[in-house]
Amino acid sequence: MALKVYAMEKNYILGEEGSIYTTYGISCIIDGMIVDRISDMSQNQCLVSNFSALLNKIQLNPKRFRPLSIFLTSQMEEVLESIGLFDILEESRSFEEVIC
């Protein structure tokens, strides 16, 4: 069985006005090789870190990584916070039922 790891990564983006922004993303790693990556999910490190922890906890199928990530990052952070994504360790069971 292949070991799946979802790792948060820190990236930098050059803004239109020349400012550099820190952003966070997640890499999907299978048996030590990056098979998918979304490098700019959010500027909120806590949000991306907890999302990565959720994916690792439930061992999400890599085929579902990109669609789920795109959907969640398209939502407002306030909505994600209200459904418990910031407190993922306590709330992961309800996500597990929905995602798996």
PDB file of N, CA and C in Angstrom:
ATOM      1  N   MET A   1       0.842  -1.183   0.000  1.00  0.00           N
ATOM      2  CA  MET A   1       0.000   0.000   0.000  1.00  0.00           C
ATOM      3  C   MET A   1       0.887   1.247   0.000  1.00  0.00           C
ATOM      4  N   ALA A   2       0.612   2.170  -0.880  1.00  0.00           N
ATOM      5  CA  ALA A   2       1.412   3.386  -1.019  1.00  0.00           C
ATOM      6  C   ALA A   2       1.135   4.341   0.137  1.00  0.00           C
ATOM      7  N   LEU A   3       2.194   4.923   0.652  1.00  0.00           N
ATOM      8  CA  LEU A   3       2.072   5.901   1.722  1.00  0.00           C
ATOM      9  C   LEU A   3       1.755   7.264   1.123  1.00  0.00           C
ATOM     10  N   LYS A   4       0.605   7.828   1.537  1.00  0.00           N
ATOM     11  CA  LYS A   4       0.197   9.157   1.061  1.00  0.00           C
ATOM     12  C   LYS A   4       0.482  10.165   2.163  1.00  0.00           C
ATOM     13  N   VAL A   5       1.099  11.269   1.792  1.00  0.00           N
ATOM     14  CA  VAL A   5       1.372  12.345   2.732  1.00  0.00           C
ATOM     15  C   VAL A   5       0.955  13.658   2.080  1.00  0.00           C
ATOM     16  N   TYR A   6       0.235  14.438   2.831  1.00  0.00           N
ATOM     17  CA  TYR A   6      -0.145  15.775   2.379  1.00  0.00           C
ATOM     18  C   TYR A   6       0.661  16.760   3.212  1.00  0.00           C
ATOM     19  N   ALA A   7       1.568  17.476   2.561  1.00  0.00           N
ATOM     20  CA  ALA A   7       2.486  18.365   3.261  1.00  0.00           C
ATOM     21  C   ALA A   7       2.220  19.824   2.920  1.00  0.00           C
ATOM     22  N   MET A   8       2.106  20.645   3.966  1.00  0.00           N
ATOM     23  CA  MET A   8       1.950  22.082   3.745  1.00  0.00           C
ATOM     24  C   MET A   8       3.285  22.641   3.275  1.00  0.00           C
ATOM     25  N   GLU A   9       3.209  23.606   2.375  1.00  0.00           N
ATOM     26  CA  GLU A   9       4.421  24.271   1.903  1.00  0.00           C
ATOM     27  C   GLU A   9       4.200  25.777   1.918  1.00  0.00           C
ATOM     28  N   LYS A  10       5.277  26.491   2.131  1.00  0.00           N
ATOM     29  CA  LYS A  10       5.249  27.956   2.168  1.00  0.00           C
ATOM     30  C   LYS A  10       5.801  28.467   0.849  1.00  0.00           C
ATOM     31  N   ASN A  11       5.102  29.428   0.246  1.00  0.00           N
ATOM     32  CA  ASN A  11       5.510  29.983  -1.039  1.00  0.00           C
ATOM     33  C   ASN A  11       5.439  31.506  -0.983  1.00  0.00           C
ATOM     34  N   TYR A  12       6.066  32.122  -1.953  1.00  0.00           N
ATOM     35  CA  TYR A  12       6.058  33.578  -2.050  1.00  0.00           C
ATOM     36  C   TYR A  12       5.553  33.980  -3.428  1.00  0.00           C
ATOM     37  N   ILE A  13       4.697  35.006  -3.444  1.00  0.00           N
ATOM     38  CA  ILE A  13       4.116  35.486  -4.691  1.00  0.00           C
ATOM     39  C   ILE A  13       4.403  36.973  -4.810  1.00  0.00           C
ATOM     40  N   LEU A  14       4.790  37.385  -6.000  1.00  0.00           N
ATOM     41  CA  LEU A  14       5.029  38.796  -6.278  1.00  0.00           C
ATOM     42  C   LEU A  14       3.712  39.431  -6.707  1.00  0.00           C
ATOM     43  N   GLY A  15       3.242  40.408  -5.932  1.00  0.00           N
ATOM     44  CA  GLY A  15       2.003  41.100  -6.240  1.00  0.00           C
ATOM     45  C   GLY A  15       2.178  42.112  -7.357  1.00  0.00           C
ATOM     46  N   GLU A  16       1.061  42.591  -7.878  1.00  0.00           N
ATOM     47  CA  GLU A  16       1.086  43.540  -8.990  1.00  0.00           C
ATOM     48  C   GLU A  16       1.832  44.819  -8.643  1.00  0.00           C
ATOM     49  N   GLU A  17       1.743  45.254  -7.391  1.00  0.00           N
ATOM     50  CA  GLU A  17       2.402  46.487  -6.983  1.00  0.00           C
ATOM     51  C   GLU A  17       3.844  46.267  -6.555  1.00  0.00           C
ATOM     52  N   GLY A  18       4.355  45.070  -6.744  1.00  0.00           N
ATOM     53  CA  GLY A  18       5.744  44.765  -6.427  1.00  0.00           C
ATOM     54  C   GLY A  18       5.968  44.209  -5.040  1.00  0.00           C
ATOM     55  N   SER A  19       4.925  44.084  -4.245  1.00  0.00           N
ATOM     56  CA  SER A  19       5.049  43.508  -2.904  1.00  0.00           C
ATOM     57  C   SER A  19       5.151  41.990  -2.992  1.00  0.00           C
ATOM     58  N   ILE A  20       5.843  41.405  -2.043  1.00  0.00           N
ATOM     59  CA  ILE A  20       5.952  39.952  -1.971  1.00  0.00           C
ATOM     60  C   ILE A  20       5.018  39.465  -0.869  1.00  0.00           C
ATOM     61  N   TYR A  21       4.178  38.493  -1.223  1.00  0.00           N
ATOM     62  CA  TYR A  21       3.221  37.923  -0.290  1.00  0.00           C
ATOM     63  C   TYR A  21       3.594  36.487   0.035  1.00  0.00           C
ATOM     64  N   THR A  22       3.372  36.121   1.288  1.00  0.00           N
ATOM     65  CA  THR A  22       3.557  34.735   1.705  1.00  0.00           C
ATOM     66  C   THR A  22       2.226  34.015   1.536  1.00  0.00           C
ATOM     67  N   THR A  23       2.266  32.863   0.917  1.00  0.00           N
ATOM     68  CA  THR A  23       1.068  32.056   0.734  1.00  0.00           C
ATOM     69  C   THR A  23       1.410  30.603   1.068  1.00  0.00           C
ATOM     70  N   TYR A  24       0.396  29.809   1.343  1.00  0.00           N
ATOM     71  CA  TYR A  24       0.598  28.418   1.742  1.00  0.00           C
ATOM     72  C   TYR A  24      -0.187  27.497   0.816  1.00  0.00           C
ATOM     73  N   GLY A  25       0.382  26.349   0.568  1.00  0.00           N
ATOM     74  CA  GLY A  25      -0.249  25.350  -0.274  1.00  0.00           C
ATOM     75  C   GLY A  25       0.026  23.964   0.275  1.00  0.00           C
ATOM     76  N   ILE A  26      -0.412  22.958  -0.461  1.00  0.00           N
ATOM     77  CA  ILE A  26      -0.246  21.566  -0.037  1.00  0.00           C
ATOM     78  C   ILE A  26       0.262  20.745  -1.211  1.00  0.00           C
ATOM     79  N   SER A  27       1.215  19.888  -0.906  1.00  0.00           N
ATOM     80  CA  SER A  27       1.697  18.907  -1.878  1.00  0.00           C
ATOM     81  C   SER A  27       1.156  17.543  -1.491  1.00  0.00           C
ATOM     82  N   CYS A  28       0.757  16.786  -2.497  1.00  0.00           N
ATOM     83  CA  CYS A  28       0.350  15.397  -2.297  1.00  0.00           C
ATOM     84  C   CYS A  28       1.551  14.536  -2.662  1.00  0.00           C
ATOM     85  N   ILE A  29       2.055  13.803  -1.692  1.00  0.00           N
ATOM     86  CA  ILE A  29       3.269  13.005  -1.874  1.00  0.00           C
ATOM     87  C   ILE A  29       2.919  11.533  -1.695  1.00  0.00           C
ATOM     88  N   ILE A  30       3.282  10.738  -2.683  1.00  0.00           N
ATOM     89  CA  ILE A  30       3.054   9.292  -2.602  1.00  0.00           C
ATOM     90  C   ILE A  30       4.398   8.604  -2.749  1.00  0.00           C
ATOM     91  N   ASP A  31       4.733   7.796  -1.763  1.00  0.00           N
ATOM     92  CA  ASP A  31       6.002   7.068  -1.738  1.00  0.00           C
ATOM     93  C   ASP A  31       7.194   7.986  -2.028  1.00  0.00           C
ATOM     94  N   GLY A  32       7.161   9.179  -1.425  1.00  0.00           N
ATOM     95  CA  GLY A  32       8.278  10.108  -1.538  1.00  0.00           C
ATOM     96  C   GLY A  32       8.306  10.973  -2.786  1.00  0.00           C
ATOM     97  N   MET A  33       7.332  10.832  -3.680  1.00  0.00           N
ATOM     98  CA  MET A  33       7.298  11.628  -4.913  1.00  0.00           C
ATOM     99  C   MET A  33       6.082  12.541  -4.917  1.00  0.00           C
ATOM    100  N   ILE A  34       6.280  13.815  -5.262  1.00  0.00           N
ATOM    101  CA  ILE A  34       5.163  14.746  -5.367  1.00  0.00           C
ATOM    102  C   ILE A  34       4.360  14.391  -6.614  1.00  0.00           C
ATOM    103  N   VAL A  35       3.079  14.070  -6.409  1.00  0.00           N
ATOM    104  CA  VAL A  35       2.211  13.712  -7.534  1.00  0.00           C
ATOM    105  C   VAL A  35       1.210  14.819  -7.866  1.00  0.00           C
ATOM    106  N   ASP A  36       1.006  15.732  -6.936  1.00  0.00           N
ATOM    107  CA  ASP A  36       0.129  16.869  -7.184  1.00  0.00           C
ATOM    108  C   ASP A  36       0.486  17.953  -6.186  1.00  0.00           C
ATOM    109  N   ARG A  37       0.211  19.200  -6.578  1.00  0.00           N
ATOM    110  CA  ARG A  37       0.556  20.324  -5.709  1.00  0.00           C
ATOM    111  C   ARG A  37      -0.363  21.490  -6.031  1.00  0.00           C
ATOM    112  N   ILE A  38      -0.838  22.115  -4.978  1.00  0.00           N
ATOM    113  CA  ILE A  38      -1.536  23.390  -5.113  1.00  0.00           C
ATOM    114  C   ILE A  38      -0.741  24.358  -4.259  1.00  0.00           C
ATOM    115  N   SER A  39      -0.036  25.268  -4.909  1.00  0.00           N
ATOM    116  CA  SER A  39       0.932  26.092  -4.188  1.00  0.00           C
ATOM    117  C   SER A  39       0.339  27.345  -3.563  1.00  0.00           C
ATOM    118  N   ASP A  40      -0.830  27.785  -4.004  1.00  0.00           N
ATOM    119  CA  ASP A  40      -1.406  29.020  -3.489  1.00  0.00           C
ATOM    120  C   ASP A  40      -2.836  28.782  -3.037  1.00  0.00           C
ATOM    121  N   MET A  41      -2.987  28.209  -1.844  1.00  0.00           N
ATOM    122  CA  MET A  41      -4.325  27.945  -1.320  1.00  0.00           C
ATOM    123  C   MET A  41      -4.849  29.099  -0.477  1.00  0.00           C
ATOM    124  N   SER A  42      -3.979  29.654   0.356  1.00  0.00           N
ATOM    125  CA  SER A  42      -4.413  30.712   1.266  1.00  0.00           C
ATOM    126  C   SER A  42      -3.195  31.393   1.874  1.00  0.00           C
ATOM    127  N   GLN A  43      -3.401  32.609   2.339  1.00  0.00           N
ATOM    128  CA  GLN A  43      -2.360  33.285   3.099  1.00  0.00           C
ATOM    129  C   GLN A  43      -2.492  32.959   4.579  1.00  0.00           C
ATOM    130  N   ASN A  44      -3.502  32.185   4.938  1.00  0.00           N
ATOM    131  CA  ASN A  44      -3.740  31.803   6.322  1.00  0.00           C
ATOM    132  C   ASN A  44      -3.050  30.467   6.607  1.00  0.00           C
ATOM    133  N   GLN A  45      -1.918  30.539   7.291  1.00  0.00           N
ATOM    134  CA  GLN A  45      -1.129  29.335   7.572  1.00  0.00           C
ATOM    135  C   GLN A  45      -1.909  28.325   8.403  1.00  0.00           C
ATOM    136  N   CYS A  46      -2.654  28.796   9.384  1.00  0.00           N
ATOM    137  CA  CYS A  46      -3.424  27.905  10.249  1.00  0.00           C
ATOM    138  C   CYS A  46      -4.435  27.095   9.446  1.00  0.00           C
ATOM    139  N   LEU A  47      -5.134  27.750   8.549  1.00  0.00           N
ATOM    140  CA  LEU A  47      -6.129  27.081   7.720  1.00  0.00           C
ATOM    141  C   LEU A  47      -5.501  25.965   6.886  1.00  0.00           C
ATOM    142  N   VAL A  48      -4.415  26.268   6.206  1.00  0.00           N
ATOM    143  CA  VAL A  48      -3.776  25.280   5.327  1.00  0.00           C
ATOM    144  C   VAL A  48      -3.147  24.158   6.145  1.00  0.00           C
ATOM    145  N   SER A  49      -2.550  24.491   7.272  1.00  0.00           N
ATOM    146  CA  SER A  49      -1.955  23.475   8.131  1.00  0.00           C
ATOM    147  C   SER A  49      -3.012  22.488   8.628  1.00  0.00           C
ATOM    148  N   ASN A  50      -4.157  23.008   9.050  1.00  0.00           N
ATOM    149  CA  ASN A  50      -5.221  22.129   9.539  1.00  0.00           C
ATOM    150  C   ASN A  50      -5.843  21.310   8.417  1.00  0.00           C
ATOM    151  N   PHE A  51      -5.963  21.894   7.236  1.00  0.00           N
ATOM    152  CA  PHE A  51      -6.486  21.153   6.089  1.00  0.00           C
ATOM    153  C   PHE A  51      -5.539  20.008   5.734  1.00  0.00           C
ATOM    154  N   SER A  52      -4.247  20.279   5.764  1.00  0.00           N
ATOM    155  CA  SER A  52      -3.245  19.238   5.509  1.00  0.00           C
ATOM    156  C   SER A  52      -3.341  18.125   6.556  1.00  0.00           C
ATOM    157  N   ALA A  53      -3.518  18.507   7.807  1.00  0.00           N
ATOM    158  CA  ALA A  53      -3.657  17.513   8.882  1.00  0.00           C
ATOM    159  C   ALA A  53      -4.886  16.641   8.666  1.00  0.00           C
ATOM    160  N   LEU A  54      -5.983  17.258   8.218  1.00  0.00           N
ATOM    161  CA  LEU A  54      -7.203  16.498   7.926  1.00  0.00           C
ATOM    162  C   LEU A  54      -6.951  15.482   6.817  1.00  0.00           C
ATOM    163  N   LEU A  55      -6.330  15.930   5.732  1.00  0.00           N
ATOM    164  CA  LEU A  55      -6.069  15.025   4.607  1.00  0.00           C
ATOM    165  C   LEU A  55      -5.205  13.855   5.027  1.00  0.00           C
ATOM    166  N   ASN A  56      -4.207  14.111   5.868  1.00  0.00           N
ATOM    167  CA  ASN A  56      -3.353  13.028   6.364  1.00  0.00           C
ATOM    168  C   ASN A  56      -4.121  12.090   7.282  1.00  0.00           C
ATOM    169  N   LYS A  57      -4.966  12.647   8.134  1.00  0.00           N
ATOM    170  CA  LYS A  57      -5.720  11.820   9.083  1.00  0.00           C
ATOM    171  C   LYS A  57      -6.656  10.853   8.368  1.00  0.00           C
ATOM    172  N   ILE A  58      -7.330  11.338   7.328  1.00  0.00           N
ATOM    173  CA  ILE A  58      -8.292  10.469   6.637  1.00  0.00           C
ATOM    174  C   ILE A  58      -7.672   9.737   5.447  1.00  0.00           C
ATOM    175  N   GLN A  59      -6.393  10.055   5.138  1.00  0.00           N
ATOM    176  CA  GLN A  59      -5.701   9.449   4.000  1.00  0.00           C
ATOM    177  C   GLN A  59      -6.548   9.571   2.737  1.00  0.00           C
ATOM    178  N   LEU A  60      -6.909  10.820   2.435  1.00  0.00           N
ATOM    179  CA  LEU A  60      -7.740  11.126   1.276  1.00  0.00           C
ATOM    180  C   LEU A  60      -7.153  10.534  -0.001  1.00  0.00           C
ATOM    181  N   ASN A  61      -8.009   9.987  -0.819  1.00  0.00           N
ATOM    182  CA  ASN A  61      -7.595   9.470  -2.120  1.00  0.00           C
ATOM    183  C   ASN A  61      -7.016  10.636  -2.929  1.00  0.00           C
ATOM    184  N   PRO A  62      -5.803  10.504  -3.474  1.00  0.00           N
ATOM    185  CA  PRO A  62      -5.184  11.592  -4.237  1.00  0.00           C
ATOM    186  C   PRO A  62      -6.033  12.105  -5.402  1.00  0.00           C
ATOM    187  N   LYS A  63      -6.906  11.268  -5.958  1.00  0.00           N
ATOM    188  CA  LYS A  63      -7.782  11.713  -7.047  1.00  0.00           C
ATOM    189  C   LYS A  63      -8.789  12.754  -6.562  1.00  0.00           C
ATOM    190  N   ARG A  64      -9.052  12.772  -5.268  1.00  0.00           N
ATOM    191  CA  ARG A  64     -10.003  13.727  -4.708  1.00  0.00           C
ATOM    192  C   ARG A  64      -9.319  14.977  -4.155  1.00  0.00           C
ATOM    193  N   PHE A  65      -7.996  14.977  -4.118  1.00  0.00           N
ATOM    194  CA  PHE A  65      -7.246  16.088  -3.530  1.00  0.00           C
ATOM    195  C   PHE A  65      -7.519  17.416  -4.236  1.00  0.00           C
ATOM    196  N   ARG A  66      -7.332  17.459  -5.534  1.00  0.00           N
ATOM    197  CA  ARG A  66      -7.474  18.723  -6.267  1.00  0.00           C
ATOM    198  C   ARG A  66      -8.916  19.240  -6.248  1.00  0.00           C
ATOM    199  N   PRO A  67      -9.931  18.430  -6.584  1.00  0.00           N
ATOM    200  CA  PRO A  67     -11.307  18.965  -6.552  1.00  0.00           C
ATOM    201  C   PRO A  67     -11.716  19.463  -5.161  1.00  0.00           C
ATOM    202  N   LEU A  68     -11.365  18.717  -4.128  1.00  0.00           N
ATOM    203  CA  LEU A  68     -11.720  19.129  -2.780  1.00  0.00           C
ATOM    204  C   LEU A  68     -10.986  20.406  -2.394  1.00  0.00           C
ATOM    205  N   SER A  69      -9.716  20.489  -2.715  1.00  0.00           N
ATOM    206  CA  SER A  69      -8.920  21.670  -2.378  1.00  0.00           C
ATOM    207  C   SER A  69      -9.428  22.910  -3.092  1.00  0.00           C
ATOM    208  N   ILE A  70      -9.739  22.770  -4.354  1.00  0.00           N
ATOM    209  CA  ILE A  70     -10.247  23.909  -5.120  1.00  0.00           C
ATOM    210  C   ILE A  70     -11.578  24.381  -4.548  1.00  0.00           C
ATOM    211  N   PHE A  71     -12.434  23.441  -4.212  1.00  0.00           N
ATOM    212  CA  PHE A  71     -13.717  23.817  -3.627  1.00  0.00           C
ATOM    213  C   PHE A  71     -13.529  24.546  -2.308  1.00  0.00           C
ATOM    214  N   LEU A  72     -12.730  23.981  -1.413  1.00  0.00           N
ATOM    215  CA  LEU A  72     -12.572  24.589  -0.096  1.00  0.00           C
ATOM    216  C   LEU A  72     -11.879  25.942  -0.161  1.00  0.00           C
ATOM    217  N   THR A  73     -10.883  26.082  -1.013  1.00  0.00           N
ATOM    218  CA  THR A  73     -10.188  27.368  -1.087  1.00  0.00           C
ATOM    219  C   THR A  73     -11.032  28.430  -1.782  1.00  0.00           C
ATOM    220  N   SER A  74     -12.058  28.032  -2.495  1.00  0.00           N
ATOM    221  CA  SER A  74     -12.935  29.010  -3.130  1.00  0.00           C
ATOM    222  C   SER A  74     -13.941  29.588  -2.130  1.00  0.00           C
ATOM    223  N   GLN A  75     -14.074  28.956  -0.986  1.00  0.00           N
ATOM    224  CA  GLN A  75     -15.010  29.426   0.033  1.00  0.00           C
ATOM    225  C   GLN A  75     -14.351  30.513   0.877  1.00  0.00           C
ATOM    226  N   MET A  76     -15.129  31.371   1.431  1.00  0.00           N
ATOM    227  CA  MET A  76     -14.592  32.410   2.297  1.00  0.00           C
ATOM    228  C   MET A  76     -14.052  31.775   3.574  1.00  0.00           C
ATOM    229  N   GLU A  77     -12.958  32.316   4.101  1.00  0.00           N
ATOM    230  CA  GLU A  77     -12.345  31.763   5.301  1.00  0.00           C
ATOM    231  C   GLU A  77     -13.306  31.763   6.486  1.00  0.00           C
ATOM    232  N   GLU A  78     -14.204  32.742   6.543  1.00  0.00           N
ATOM    233  CA  GLU A  78     -15.166  32.773   7.643  1.00  0.00           C
ATOM    234  C   GLU A  78     -16.082  31.546   7.605  1.00  0.00           C
ATOM    235  N   VAL A  79     -16.457  31.130   6.388  1.00  0.00           N
ATOM    236  CA  VAL A  79     -17.304  29.951   6.241  1.00  0.00           C
ATOM    237  C   VAL A  79     -16.538  28.715   6.687  1.00  0.00           C
ATOM    238  N   LEU A  80     -15.281  28.603   6.269  1.00  0.00           N
ATOM    239  CA  LEU A  80     -14.474  27.451   6.663  1.00  0.00           C
ATOM    240  C   LEU A  80     -14.292  27.405   8.173  1.00  0.00           C
ATOM    241  N   GLU A  81     -14.096  28.561   8.776  1.00  0.00           N
ATOM    242  CA  GLU A  81     -13.958  28.597  10.228  1.00  0.00           C
ATOM    243  C   GLU A  81     -15.253  28.165  10.902  1.00  0.00           C
ATOM    244  N   SER A  82     -16.388  28.581  10.358  1.00  0.00           N
ATOM    245  CA  SER A  82     -17.678  28.253  10.972  1.00  0.00           C
ATOM    246  C   SER A  82     -17.993  26.761  10.905  1.00  0.00           C
ATOM    247  N   ILE A  83     -17.422  26.039   9.924  1.00  0.00           N
ATOM    248  CA  ILE A  83     -17.670  24.596   9.856  1.00  0.00           C
ATOM    249  C   ILE A  83     -16.570  23.795  10.533  1.00  0.00           C
ATOM    250  N   GLY A  84     -15.636  24.484  11.199  1.00  0.00           N
ATOM    251  CA  GLY A  84     -14.678  23.798  12.036  1.00  0.00           C
ATOM    252  C   GLY A  84     -13.335  23.487  11.419  1.00  0.00           C
ATOM    253  N   LEU A  85     -13.013  24.020  10.255  1.00  0.00           N
ATOM    254  CA  LEU A  85     -11.740  23.669   9.629  1.00  0.00           C
ATOM    255  C   LEU A  85     -10.549  24.184  10.424  1.00  0.00           C
ATOM    256  N   PHE A  86     -10.734  25.242  11.204  1.00  0.00           N
ATOM    257  CA  PHE A  86      -9.631  25.740  12.016  1.00  0.00           C
ATOM    258  C   PHE A  86      -9.382  24.864  13.236  1.00  0.00           C
ATOM    259  N   ASP A  87     -10.362  24.075  13.625  1.00  0.00           N
ATOM    260  CA  ASP A  87     -10.227  23.192  14.783  1.00  0.00           C
ATOM    261  C   ASP A  87     -10.348  21.748  14.331  1.00  0.00           C
ATOM    262  N   ILE A  88      -9.577  21.386  13.340  1.00  0.00           N
ATOM    263  CA  ILE A  88      -9.736  20.130  12.624  1.00  0.00           C
ATOM    264  C   ILE A  88      -9.562  18.885  13.488  1.00  0.00           C
ATOM    265  N   LEU A  89      -8.712  18.918  14.469  1.00  0.00           N
ATOM    266  CA  LEU A  89      -8.478  17.715  15.258  1.00  0.00           C
ATOM    267  C   LEU A  89      -9.728  17.279  16.004  1.00  0.00           C
ATOM    268  N   GLU A  90     -10.527  18.241  16.463  1.00  0.00           N
ATOM    269  CA  GLU A  90     -11.758  17.907  17.164  1.00  0.00           C
ATOM    270  C   GLU A  90     -12.910  17.605  16.209  1.00  0.00           C
ATOM    271  N   GLU A  91     -12.888  18.171  15.012  1.00  0.00           N
ATOM    272  CA  GLU A  91     -14.023  18.100  14.107  1.00  0.00           C
ATOM    273  C   GLU A  91     -13.832  17.146  12.935  1.00  0.00           C
ATOM    274  N   SER A  92     -12.722  16.432  12.847  1.00  0.00           N
ATOM    275  CA  SER A  92     -12.413  15.684  11.634  1.00  0.00           C
ATOM    276  C   SER A  92     -13.387  14.546  11.341  1.00  0.00           C
ATOM    277  N   ARG A  93     -14.046  14.010  12.334  1.00  0.00           N
ATOM    278  CA  ARG A  93     -14.963  12.902  12.073  1.00  0.00           C
ATOM    279  C   ARG A  93     -16.082  13.317  11.118  1.00  0.00           C
ATOM    280  N   SER A  94     -16.660  14.497  11.288  1.00  0.00           N
ATOM    281  CA  SER A  94     -17.749  14.918  10.395  1.00  0.00           C
ATOM    282  C   SER A  94     -17.231  15.135   8.967  1.00  0.00           C
ATOM    283  N   PHE A  95     -16.008  15.652   8.801  1.00  0.00           N
ATOM    284  CA  PHE A  95     -15.426  15.804   7.482  1.00  0.00           C
ATOM    285  C   PHE A  95     -15.162  14.444   6.864  1.00  0.00           C
ATOM    286  N   GLU A  96     -14.710  13.495   7.675  1.00  0.00           N
ATOM    287  CA  GLU A  96     -14.386  12.158   7.180  1.00  0.00           C
ATOM    288  C   GLU A  96     -15.622  11.517   6.557  1.00  0.00           C
ATOM    289  N   GLU A  97     -16.775  11.699   7.168  1.00  0.00           N
ATOM    290  CA  GLU A  97     -18.011  11.124   6.648  1.00  0.00           C
ATOM    291  C   GLU A  97     -18.385  11.742   5.307  1.00  0.00           C
ATOM    292  N   VAL A  98     -18.139  13.029   5.141  1.00  0.00           N
ATOM    293  CA  VAL A  98     -18.499  13.729   3.922  1.00  0.00           C
ATOM    294  C   VAL A  98     -17.518  13.435   2.794  1.00  0.00           C
ATOM    295  N   ILE A  99     -16.207  13.428   3.100  1.00  0.00           N
ATOM    296  CA  ILE A  99     -15.179  13.355   2.069  1.00  0.00           C
ATOM    297  C   ILE A  99     -14.937  11.944   1.570  1.00  0.00           C
ATOM    298  N   CYS A 100     -14.997  10.965   2.414  1.00  0.00           N
ATOM    299  CA  CYS A 100     -14.625   9.597   2.020  1.00  0.00           C
ATOM    300  C   CYS A 100     -15.719   8.886   1.244  1.00  0.00           C
TER     301      CYS A 100
END
